[in-house]
Amino acid sequence: IMCFTPAFAEDIEISHNDGIYHIVLKGEKIKKKIKFVSSDD
């Protein structure tokens, strides 16, 4: 099971094809883990 488990967390899926990364944030819980920030510099 450990050997065949994807490297990415279940709520973040990342695929890469022809120079495009497609990231999917799935489920309810991950909505609480998103934060936009602005840097002073």
ModelCIF file with pLDDT and N, C-alpha, C, O atoms, coordinates in Angstrom:
data_MODEL
#
_entry.id   MODEL 
#
_entity.id                         1 
_entity.type                       polymer 
_entity.pdbx_number_of_molecules   1 
#
_entity_poly.entity_id                      1 
_entity_poly.type                           'polypeptide(L)' 
_entity_poly.nstd_linkage                   no 
_entity_poly.nstd_monomer                   no 
_entity_poly.pdbx_seq_one_letter_code       IMCFTPAFAEDIEISHNDGIYHIVLKGEKIKKKIKFVSSDD 
_entity_poly.pdbx_seq_one_letter_code_can   IMCFTPAFAEDIEISHNDGIYHIVLKGEKIKKKIKFVSSDD 
_entity_poly.pdbx_strand_id                 A 
#
loop_
_entity_poly_seq.entity_id 
_entity_poly_seq.num 
_entity_poly_seq.mon_id 
_entity_poly_seq.hetero 
1 1  ILE n 
1 2  MET n 
1 3  CYS n 
1 4  PHE n 
1 5  THR n 
1 6  PRO n 
1 7  ALA n 
1 8  PHE n 
1 9  ALA n 
1 10 GLU n 
1 11 ASP n 
1 12 ILE n 
1 13 GLU n 
1 14 ILE n 
1 15 SER n 
1 16 HIS n 
1 17 ASN n 
1 18 ASP n 
1 19 GLY n 
1 20 ILE n 
1 21 TYR n 
1 22 HIS n 
1 23 ILE n 
1 24 VAL n 
1 25 LEU n 
1 26 LYS n 
1 27 GLY n 
1 28 GLU n 
1 29 LYS n 
1 30 ILE n 
1 31 LYS n 
1 32 LYS n 
1 33 LYS n 
1 34 ILE n 
1 35 LYS n 
1 36 PHE n 
1 37 VAL n 
1 38 SER n 
1 39 SER n 
1 40 ASP n 
1 41 ASP n 
#
_struct_asym.id          A 
_struct_asym.entity_id   1 
#
loop_
_ma_qa_metric.id 
_ma_qa_metric.mode 
_ma_qa_metric.name 
_ma_qa_metric.software_group_id 
_ma_qa_metric.type 
1 global pLDDT . pLDDT 
2 local  pLDDT . pLDDT 
#
_ma_qa_metric_global.metric_id      1 
_ma_qa_metric_global.metric_value   85.34 
_ma_qa_metric_global.model_id       1 
_ma_qa_metric_global.ordinal_id     1 
#
loop_
_ma_qa_metric_local.label_asym_id 
_ma_qa_metric_local.label_comp_id 
_ma_qa_metric_local.label_seq_id 
_ma_qa_metric_local.metric_id 
_ma_qa_metric_local.metric_value 
_ma_qa_metric_local.model_id 
_ma_qa_metric_local.ordinal_id 
A ILE 1  2 43.00 1 1  
A MET 2  2 45.00 1 2  
A CYS 3  2 43.00 1 3  
A PHE 4  2 40.00 1 4  
A THR 5  2 39.00 1 5  
A PRO 6  2 43.00 1 6  
A ALA 7  2 45.00 1 7  
A PHE 8  2 53.00 1 8  
A ALA 9  2 58.00 1 9  
A GLU 10 2 78.00 1 10 
A ASP 11 2 95.00 1 11 
A ILE 12 2 98.00 1 12 
A GLU 13 2 98.00 1 13 
A ILE 14 2 98.00 1 14 
A SER 15 2 98.00 1 15 
A HIS 16 2 98.00 1 16 
A ASN 17 2 97.00 1 17 
A ASP 18 2 96.00 1 18 
A GLY 19 2 97.00 1 19 
A ILE 20 2 98.00 1 20 
A TYR 21 2 98.00 1 21 
A HIS 22 2 98.00 1 22 
A ILE 23 2 98.00 1 23 
A VAL 24 2 98.00 1 24 
A LEU 25 2 98.00 1 25 
A LYS 26 2 96.00 1 26 
A GLY 27 2 94.00 1 27 
A GLU 28 2 94.00 1 28 
A LYS 29 2 96.00 1 29 
A ILE 30 2 98.00 1 30 
A LYS 31 2 98.00 1 31 
A LYS 32 2 97.00 1 32 
A LYS 33 2 98.00 1 33 
A ILE 34 2 98.00 1 34 
A LYS 35 2 98.00 1 35 
A PHE 36 2 99.00 1 36 
A VAL 37 2 98.00 1 37 
A SER 38 2 98.00 1 38 
A SER 39 2 97.00 1 39 
A ASP 40 2 95.00 1 40 
A ASP 41 2 95.00 1 41 
#
loop_
_atom_site.group_PDB 
_atom_site.id 
_atom_site.type_symbol 
_atom_site.label_atom_id 
_atom_site.label_alt_id 
_atom_site.label_comp_id 
_atom_site.label_asym_id 
_atom_site.label_entity_id 
_atom_site.label_seq_id 
_atom_site.pdbx_PDB_ins_code 
_atom_site.Cartn_x 
_atom_site.Cartn_y 
_atom_site.Cartn_z 
_atom_site.occupancy 
_atom_site.B_iso_or_equiv 
_atom_site.pdbx_formal_charge 
_atom_site.auth_seq_id 
_atom_site.auth_comp_id 
_atom_site.auth_asym_id 
_atom_site.auth_atom_id 
_atom_site.pdbx_PDB_model_num 
ATOM 1   N N  . ILE A 1 1  ? 0.828   -1.199 0.000   1.00 43.00 ? 1  ILE A N  1 
ATOM 2   C CA . ILE A 1 1  ? 0.000   0.000  0.000   1.00 43.00 ? 1  ILE A CA 1 
ATOM 3   C C  . ILE A 1 1  ? 0.864   1.252  0.000   1.00 43.00 ? 1  ILE A C  1 
ATOM 4   O O  . ILE A 1 1  ? 0.604   2.196  -0.747  1.00 43.00 ? 1  ILE A O  1 
ATOM 5   N N  . MET A 1 2  ? 1.893   1.255  0.842   1.00 45.00 ? 2  MET A N  1 
ATOM 6   C CA . MET A 1 2  ? 2.781   2.407  0.927   1.00 45.00 ? 2  MET A CA 1 
ATOM 7   C C  . MET A 1 2  ? 3.520   2.637  -0.375  1.00 45.00 ? 2  MET A C  1 
ATOM 8   O O  . MET A 1 2  ? 3.750   3.782  -0.766  1.00 45.00 ? 2  MET A O  1 
ATOM 9   N N  . CYS A 1 3  ? 3.894   1.561  -1.051  1.00 43.00 ? 3  CYS A N  1 
ATOM 10  C CA . CYS A 1 3  ? 4.656   1.672  -2.297  1.00 43.00 ? 3  CYS A CA 1 
ATOM 11  C C  . CYS A 1 3  ? 3.823   2.285  -3.415  1.00 43.00 ? 3  CYS A C  1 
ATOM 12  O O  . CYS A 1 3  ? 4.357   2.995  -4.267  1.00 43.00 ? 3  CYS A O  1 
ATOM 13  N N  . PHE A 1 4  ? 2.511   2.016  -3.419  1.00 40.00 ? 4  PHE A N  1 
ATOM 14  C CA . PHE A 1 4  ? 1.677   2.460  -4.519  1.00 40.00 ? 4  PHE A CA 1 
ATOM 15  C C  . PHE A 1 4  ? 0.813   3.671  -4.181  1.00 40.00 ? 4  PHE A C  1 
ATOM 16  O O  . PHE A 1 4  ? -0.027  4.075  -4.985  1.00 40.00 ? 4  PHE A O  1 
ATOM 17  N N  . THR A 1 5  ? 1.010   4.248  -3.008  1.00 39.00 ? 5  THR A N  1 
ATOM 18  C CA . THR A 1 5  ? 0.301   5.468  -2.644  1.00 39.00 ? 5  THR A CA 1 
ATOM 19  C C  . THR A 1 5  ? 0.929   6.652  -3.384  1.00 39.00 ? 5  THR A C  1 
ATOM 20  O O  . THR A 1 5  ? 2.152   6.788  -3.388  1.00 39.00 ? 5  THR A O  1 
ATOM 21  N N  . PRO A 1 6  ? 0.099   7.532  -4.024  1.00 43.00 ? 6  PRO A N  1 
ATOM 22  C CA . PRO A 1 6  ? 0.650   8.683  -4.741  1.00 43.00 ? 6  PRO A CA 1 
ATOM 23  C C  . PRO A 1 6  ? 1.491   9.552  -3.806  1.00 43.00 ? 6  PRO A C  1 
ATOM 24  O O  . PRO A 1 6  ? 1.257   9.605  -2.598  1.00 43.00 ? 6  PRO A O  1 
ATOM 25  N N  . ALA A 1 7  ? 2.473   10.229 -4.398  1.00 45.00 ? 7  ALA A N  1 
ATOM 26  C CA . ALA A 1 7  ? 3.392   11.051 -3.608  1.00 45.00 ? 7  ALA A CA 1 
ATOM 27  C C  . ALA A 1 7  ? 2.698   12.281 -3.047  1.00 45.00 ? 7  ALA A C  1 
ATOM 28  O O  . ALA A 1 7  ? 3.169   12.863 -2.070  1.00 45.00 ? 7  ALA A O  1 
ATOM 29  N N  . PHE A 1 8  ? 1.572   12.691 -3.656  1.00 53.00 ? 8  PHE A N  1 
ATOM 30  C CA . PHE A 1 8  ? 0.910   13.911 -3.241  1.00 53.00 ? 8  PHE A CA 1 
ATOM 31  C C  . PHE A 1 8  ? -0.190  13.616 -2.235  1.00 53.00 ? 8  PHE A C  1 
ATOM 32  O O  . PHE A 1 8  ? -0.775  12.533 -2.243  1.00 53.00 ? 8  PHE A O  1 
ATOM 33  N N  . ALA A 1 9  ? -0.468  14.578 -1.373  1.00 58.00 ? 9  ALA A N  1 
ATOM 34  C CA . ALA A 1 9  ? -1.522  14.423 -0.385  1.00 58.00 ? 9  ALA A CA 1 
ATOM 35  C C  . ALA A 1 9  ? -2.860  14.243 -1.089  1.00 58.00 ? 9  ALA A C  1 
ATOM 36  O O  . ALA A 1 9  ? -3.045  14.703 -2.216  1.00 58.00 ? 9  ALA A O  1 
ATOM 37  N N  . GLU A 1 10 ? -3.789  13.573 -0.421  1.00 78.00 ? 10 GLU A N  1 
ATOM 38  C CA . GLU A 1 10 ? -5.070  13.272 -1.031  1.00 78.00 ? 10 GLU A CA 1 
ATOM 39  C C  . GLU A 1 10 ? -5.837  14.520 -1.422  1.00 78.00 ? 10 GLU A C  1 
ATOM 40  O O  . GLU A 1 10 ? -6.574  14.495 -2.408  1.00 78.00 ? 10 GLU A O  1 
ATOM 41  N N  . ASP A 1 11 ? -5.688  15.615 -0.679  1.00 95.00 ? 11 ASP A N  1 
ATOM 42  C CA . ASP A 1 11 ? -6.449  16.823 -0.991  1.00 95.00 ? 11 ASP A CA 1 
ATOM 43  C C  . ASP A 1 11 ? -5.738  17.738 -1.980  1.00 95.00 ? 11 ASP A C  1 
ATOM 44  O O  . ASP A 1 11 ? -6.299  18.759 -2.379  1.00 95.00 ? 11 ASP A O  1 
ATOM 45  N N  . ILE A 1 12 ? -4.523  17.397 -2.382  1.00 98.00 ? 12 ILE A N  1 
ATOM 46  C CA . ILE A 1 12 ? -3.806  18.121 -3.431  1.00 98.00 ? 12 ILE A CA 1 
ATOM 47  C C  . ILE A 1 12 ? -3.339  17.120 -4.488  1.00 98.00 ? 12 ILE A C  1 
ATOM 48  O O  . ILE A 1 12 ? -2.499  16.263 -4.214  1.00 98.00 ? 12 ILE A O  1 
ATOM 49  N N  . GLU A 1 13 ? -3.883  17.236 -5.681  1.00 98.00 ? 13 GLU A N  1 
ATOM 50  C CA . GLU A 1 13 ? -3.465  16.379 -6.795  1.00 98.00 ? 13 GLU A CA 1 
ATOM 51  C C  . GLU A 1 13 ? -2.731  17.238 -7.818  1.00 98.00 ? 13 GLU A C  1 
ATOM 52  O O  . GLU A 1 13 ? -3.206  18.311 -8.191  1.00 98.00 ? 13 GLU A O  1 
ATOM 53  N N  . ILE A 1 14 ? -1.586  16.770 -8.264  1.00 98.00 ? 14 ILE A N  1 
ATOM 54  C CA . ILE A 1 14 ? -0.789  17.519 -9.234  1.00 98.00 ? 14 ILE A CA 1 
ATOM 55  C C  . ILE A 1 14 ? -0.429  16.611 -10.406 1.00 98.00 ? 14 ILE A C  1 
ATOM 56  O O  . ILE A 1 14 ? 0.132   15.531 -10.218 1.00 98.00 ? 14 ILE A O  1 
ATOM 57  N N  . SER A 1 15 ? -0.754  17.053 -11.604 1.00 98.00 ? 15 SER A N  1 
ATOM 58  C CA . SER A 1 15 ? -0.347  16.341 -12.805 1.00 98.00 ? 15 SER A CA 1 
ATOM 59  C C  . SER A 1 15 ? 0.426   17.316 -13.698 1.00 98.00 ? 15 SER A C  1 
ATOM 60  O O  . SER A 1 15 ? 0.280   18.534 -13.594 1.00 98.00 ? 15 SER A O  1 
ATOM 61  N N  . HIS A 1 16 ? 1.245   16.746 -14.571 1.00 98.00 ? 16 HIS A N  1 
ATOM 62  C CA . HIS A 1 16 ? 2.063   17.580 -15.459 1.00 98.00 ? 16 HIS A CA 1 
ATOM 63  C C  . HIS A 1 16 ? 2.028   16.985 -16.850 1.00 98.00 ? 16 HIS A C  1 
ATOM 64  O O  . HIS A 1 16 ? 2.328   15.807 -17.044 1.00 98.00 ? 16 HIS A O  1 
ATOM 65  N N  . ASN A 1 17 ? 1.660   17.805 -17.813 1.00 97.00 ? 17 ASN A N  1 
ATOM 66  C CA . ASN A 1 17 ? 1.582   17.323 -19.188 1.00 97.00 ? 17 ASN A CA 1 
ATOM 67  C C  . ASN A 1 17 ? 1.867   18.471 -20.149 1.00 97.00 ? 17 ASN A C  1 
ATOM 68  O O  . ASN A 1 17 ? 1.224   19.519 -20.096 1.00 97.00 ? 17 ASN A O  1 
ATOM 69  N N  . ASP A 1 18 ? 2.834   18.256 -21.020 1.00 96.00 ? 18 ASP A N  1 
ATOM 70  C CA . ASP A 1 18 ? 3.137   19.200 -22.092 1.00 96.00 ? 18 ASP A CA 1 
ATOM 71  C C  . ASP A 1 18 ? 3.362   20.622 -21.572 1.00 96.00 ? 18 ASP A C  1 
ATOM 72  O O  . ASP A 1 18 ? 2.847   21.588 -22.136 1.00 96.00 ? 18 ASP A O  1 
ATOM 73  N N  . GLY A 1 19 ? 4.141   20.737 -20.484 1.00 97.00 ? 19 GLY A N  1 
ATOM 74  C CA . GLY A 1 19 ? 4.509   22.046 -19.980 1.00 97.00 ? 19 GLY A CA 1 
ATOM 75  C C  . GLY A 1 19 ? 3.453   22.737 -19.145 1.00 97.00 ? 19 GLY A C  1 
ATOM 76  O O  . GLY A 1 19 ? 3.581   23.927 -18.856 1.00 97.00 ? 19 GLY A O  1 
ATOM 77  N N  . ILE A 1 20 ? 2.405   22.017 -18.749 1.00 98.00 ? 20 ILE A N  1 
ATOM 78  C CA . ILE A 1 20 ? 1.339   22.604 -17.932 1.00 98.00 ? 20 ILE A CA 1 
ATOM 79  C C  . ILE A 1 20 ? 1.150   21.770 -16.675 1.00 98.00 ? 20 ILE A C  1 
ATOM 80  O O  . ILE A 1 20 ? 0.916   20.563 -16.747 1.00 98.00 ? 20 ILE A O  1 
ATOM 81  N N  . TYR A 1 21 ? 1.254   22.423 -15.520 1.00 98.00 ? 21 TYR A N  1 
ATOM 82  C CA . TYR A 1 21 ? 0.950   21.760 -14.253 1.00 98.00 ? 21 TYR A CA 1 
ATOM 83  C C  . TYR A 1 21 ? -0.515  22.020 -13.928 1.00 98.00 ? 21 TYR A C  1 
ATOM 84  O O  . TYR A 1 21 ? -0.983  23.159 -13.951 1.00 98.00 ? 21 TYR A O  1 
ATOM 85  N N  . HIS A 1 22 ? -1.223  20.941 -13.626 1.00 98.00 ? 22 HIS A N  1 
ATOM 86  C CA . HIS A 1 22 ? -2.644  21.039 -13.277 1.00 98.00 ? 22 HIS A CA 1 
ATOM 87  C C  . HIS A 1 22 ? -2.785  20.589 -11.829 1.00 98.00 ? 22 HIS A C  1 
ATOM 88  O O  . HIS A 1 22 ? -2.593  19.415 -11.511 1.00 98.00 ? 22 HIS A O  1 
ATOM 89  N N  . ILE A 1 23 ? -3.119  21.524 -10.965 1.00 98.00 ? 23 ILE A N  1 
ATOM 90  C CA . ILE A 1 23 ? -3.241  21.264 -9.526  1.00 98.00 ? 23 ILE A CA 1 
ATOM 91  C C  . ILE A 1 23 ? -4.715  21.299 -9.155  1.00 98.00 ? 23 ILE A C  1 
ATOM 92  O O  . ILE A 1 23 ? -5.435  22.222 -9.534  1.00 98.00 ? 23 ILE A O  1 
ATOM 93  N N  . VAL A 1 24 ? -5.162  20.292 -8.413  1.00 98.00 ? 24 VAL A N  1 
ATOM 94  C CA . VAL A 1 24 ? -6.549  20.249 -7.955  1.00 98.00 ? 24 VAL A CA 1 
ATOM 95  C C  . VAL A 1 24 ? -6.562  20.197 -6.433  1.00 98.00 ? 24 VAL A C  1 
ATOM 96  O O  . VAL A 1 24 ? -5.991  19.290 -5.826  1.00 98.00 ? 24 VAL A O  1 
ATOM 97  N N  . LEU A 1 25 ? -7.220  21.181 -5.824  1.00 98.00 ? 25 LEU A N  1 
ATOM 98  C CA . LEU A 1 25 ? -7.433  21.191 -4.381  1.00 98.00 ? 25 LEU A CA 1 
ATOM 99  C C  . LEU A 1 25 ? -8.829  20.642 -4.131  1.00 98.00 ? 25 LEU A C  1 
ATOM 100 O O  . LEU A 1 25 ? -9.818  21.239 -4.557  1.00 98.00 ? 25 LEU A O  1 
ATOM 101 N N  . LYS A 1 26 ? -8.913  19.501 -3.439  1.00 96.00 ? 26 LYS A N  1 
ATOM 102 C CA . LYS A 1 26 ? -10.188 18.792 -3.335  1.00 96.00 ? 26 LYS A CA 1 
ATOM 103 C C  . LYS A 1 26 ? -10.689 18.743 -1.892  1.00 96.00 ? 26 LYS A C  1 
ATOM 104 O O  . LYS A 1 26 ? -9.911  18.651 -0.943  1.00 96.00 ? 26 LYS A O  1 
ATOM 105 N N  . GLY A 1 27 ? -12.005 18.806 -1.764  1.00 94.00 ? 27 GLY A N  1 
ATOM 106 C CA . GLY A 1 27 ? -12.623 18.589 -0.468  1.00 94.00 ? 27 GLY A CA 1 
ATOM 107 C C  . GLY A 1 27 ? -12.870 19.859 0.323   1.00 94.00 ? 27 GLY A C  1 
ATOM 108 O O  . GLY A 1 27 ? -12.458 20.954 -0.058  1.00 94.00 ? 27 GLY A O  1 
ATOM 109 N N  . GLU A 1 28 ? -13.557 19.671 1.436   1.00 94.00 ? 28 GLU A N  1 
ATOM 110 C CA . GLU A 1 28 ? -13.970 20.784 2.280   1.00 94.00 ? 28 GLU A CA 1 
ATOM 111 C C  . GLU A 1 28 ? -12.842 21.289 3.169   1.00 94.00 ? 28 GLU A C  1 
ATOM 112 O O  . GLU A 1 28 ? -12.687 22.497 3.348   1.00 94.00 ? 28 GLU A O  1 
ATOM 113 N N  . LYS A 1 29 ? -12.054 20.373 3.728   1.00 96.00 ? 29 LYS A N  1 
ATOM 114 C CA . LYS A 1 29 ? -11.066 20.746 4.741   1.00 96.00 ? 29 LYS A CA 1 
ATOM 115 C C  . LYS A 1 29 ? -9.990  21.684 4.206   1.00 96.00 ? 29 LYS A C  1 
ATOM 116 O O  . LYS A 1 29 ? -9.514  22.564 4.923   1.00 96.00 ? 29 LYS A O  1 
ATOM 117 N N  . ILE A 1 30 ? -9.606  21.491 2.942   1.00 98.00 ? 30 ILE A N  1 
ATOM 118 C CA . ILE A 1 30 ? -8.481  22.279 2.422   1.00 98.00 ? 30 ILE A CA 1 
ATOM 119 C C  . ILE A 1 30 ? -8.842  23.754 2.252   1.00 98.00 ? 30 ILE A C  1 
ATOM 120 O O  . ILE A 1 30 ? -7.956  24.606 2.186   1.00 98.00 ? 30 ILE A O  1 
ATOM 121 N N  . LYS A 1 31 ? -10.134 24.057 2.180   1.00 98.00 ? 31 LYS A N  1 
ATOM 122 C CA . LYS A 1 31 ? -10.551 25.456 2.054   1.00 98.00 ? 31 LYS A CA 1 
ATOM 123 C C  . LYS A 1 31 ? -10.070 26.281 3.245   1.00 98.00 ? 31 LYS A C  1 
ATOM 124 O O  . LYS A 1 31 ? -9.787  27.471 3.113   1.00 98.00 ? 31 LYS A O  1 
ATOM 125 N N  . LYS A 1 32 ? -9.983  25.640 4.402   1.00 97.00 ? 32 LYS A N  1 
ATOM 126 C CA . LYS A 1 32 ? -9.543  26.332 5.609   1.00 97.00 ? 32 LYS A CA 1 
ATOM 127 C C  . LYS A 1 32 ? -8.026  26.479 5.668   1.00 97.00 ? 32 LYS A C  1 
ATOM 128 O O  . LYS A 1 32 ? -7.500  27.163 6.546   1.00 97.00 ? 32 LYS A O  1 
ATOM 129 N N  . LYS A 1 33 ? -7.323  25.839 4.735   1.00 98.00 ? 33 LYS A N  1 
ATOM 130 C CA . LYS A 1 33 ? -5.861  25.839 4.748   1.00 98.00 ? 33 LYS A CA 1 
ATOM 131 C C  . LYS A 1 33 ? -5.260  26.765 3.695   1.00 98.00 ? 33 LYS A C  1 
ATOM 132 O O  . LYS A 1 33 ? -4.051  26.753 3.466   1.00 98.00 ? 33 LYS A O  1 
ATOM 133 N N  . ILE A 1 34 ? -6.114  27.571 3.054   1.00 98.00 ? 34 ILE A N  1 
ATOM 134 C CA . ILE A 1 34 ? -5.674  28.501 2.013   1.00 98.00 ? 34 ILE A CA 1 
ATOM 135 C C  . ILE A 1 34 ? -5.541  29.899 2.604   1.00 98.00 ? 34 ILE A C  1 
ATOM 136 O O  . ILE A 1 34 ? -6.410  30.362 3.342   1.00 98.00 ? 34 ILE A O  1 
ATOM 137 N N  . LYS A 1 35 ? -4.459  30.549 2.272   1.00 98.00 ? 35 LYS A N  1 
ATOM 138 C CA . LYS A 1 35 ? -4.262  31.929 2.741   1.00 98.00 ? 35 LYS A CA 1 
ATOM 139 C C  . LYS A 1 35 ? -3.535  32.735 1.660   1.00 98.00 ? 35 LYS A C  1 
ATOM 140 O O  . LYS A 1 35 ? -2.500  32.312 1.144   1.00 98.00 ? 35 LYS A O  1 
ATOM 141 N N  . PHE A 1 36 ? -4.095  33.901 1.327   1.00 99.00 ? 36 PHE A N  1 
ATOM 142 C CA . PHE A 1 36 ? -3.408  34.843 0.448   1.00 99.00 ? 36 PHE A CA 1 
ATOM 143 C C  . PHE A 1 36 ? -2.675  35.856 1.314   1.00 99.00 ? 36 PHE A C  1 
ATOM 144 O O  . PHE A 1 36 ? -3.228  36.363 2.291   1.00 99.00 ? 36 PHE A O  1 
ATOM 145 N N  . VAL A 1 37 ? -1.437  36.148 0.958   1.00 98.00 ? 37 VAL A N  1 
ATOM 146 C CA . VAL A 1 37 ? -0.625  37.080 1.739   1.00 98.00 ? 37 VAL A CA 1 
ATOM 147 C C  . VAL A 1 37 ? 0.054   38.075 0.810   1.00 98.00 ? 37 VAL A C  1 
ATOM 148 O O  . VAL A 1 37 ? 0.244   37.816 -0.378  1.00 98.00 ? 37 VAL A O  1 
ATOM 149 N N  . SER A 1 38 ? 0.411   39.213 1.378   1.00 98.00 ? 38 SER A N  1 
ATOM 150 C CA . SER A 1 38 ? 1.137   40.246 0.657   1.00 98.00 ? 38 SER A CA 1 
ATOM 151 C C  . SER A 1 38 ? 2.425   40.540 1.409   1.00 98.00 ? 38 SER A C  1 
ATOM 152 O O  . SER A 1 38 ? 2.411   40.715 2.628   1.00 98.00 ? 38 SER A O  1 
ATOM 153 N N  . SER A 1 39 ? 3.529   40.595 0.690   1.00 97.00 ? 39 SER A N  1 
ATOM 154 C CA . SER A 1 39 ? 4.824   40.850 1.304   1.00 97.00 ? 39 SER A CA 1 
ATOM 155 C C  . SER A 1 39 ? 5.122   42.351 1.324   1.00 97.00 ? 39 SER A C  1 
ATOM 156 O O  . SER A 1 39 ? 4.745   43.079 0.406   1.00 97.00 ? 39 SER A O  1 
ATOM 157 N N  . ASP A 1 40 ? 5.790   42.796 2.363   1.00 95.00 ? 40 ASP A N  1 
ATOM 158 C CA . ASP A 1 40 ? 6.192   44.205 2.420   1.00 95.00 ? 40 ASP A CA 1 
ATOM 159 C C  . ASP A 1 40 ? 7.162   44.524 1.291   1.00 95.00 ? 40 ASP A C  1 
ATOM 160 O O  . ASP A 1 40 ? 7.061   45.566 0.642   1.00 95.00 ? 40 ASP A O  1 
ATOM 161 N N  . ASP A 1 41 ? 8.094   43.621 1.070   1.00 95.00 ? 41 ASP A N  1 
ATOM 162 C CA . ASP A 1 41 ? 9.056   43.778 -0.021  1.00 95.00 ? 41 ASP A CA 1 
ATOM 163 C C  . ASP A 1 41 ? 8.785   42.716 -1.078  1.00 95.00 ? 41 ASP A C  1 
ATOM 164 O O  . ASP A 1 41 ? 9.482   42.663 -2.092  1.00 95.00 ? 41 ASP A O  1 
#
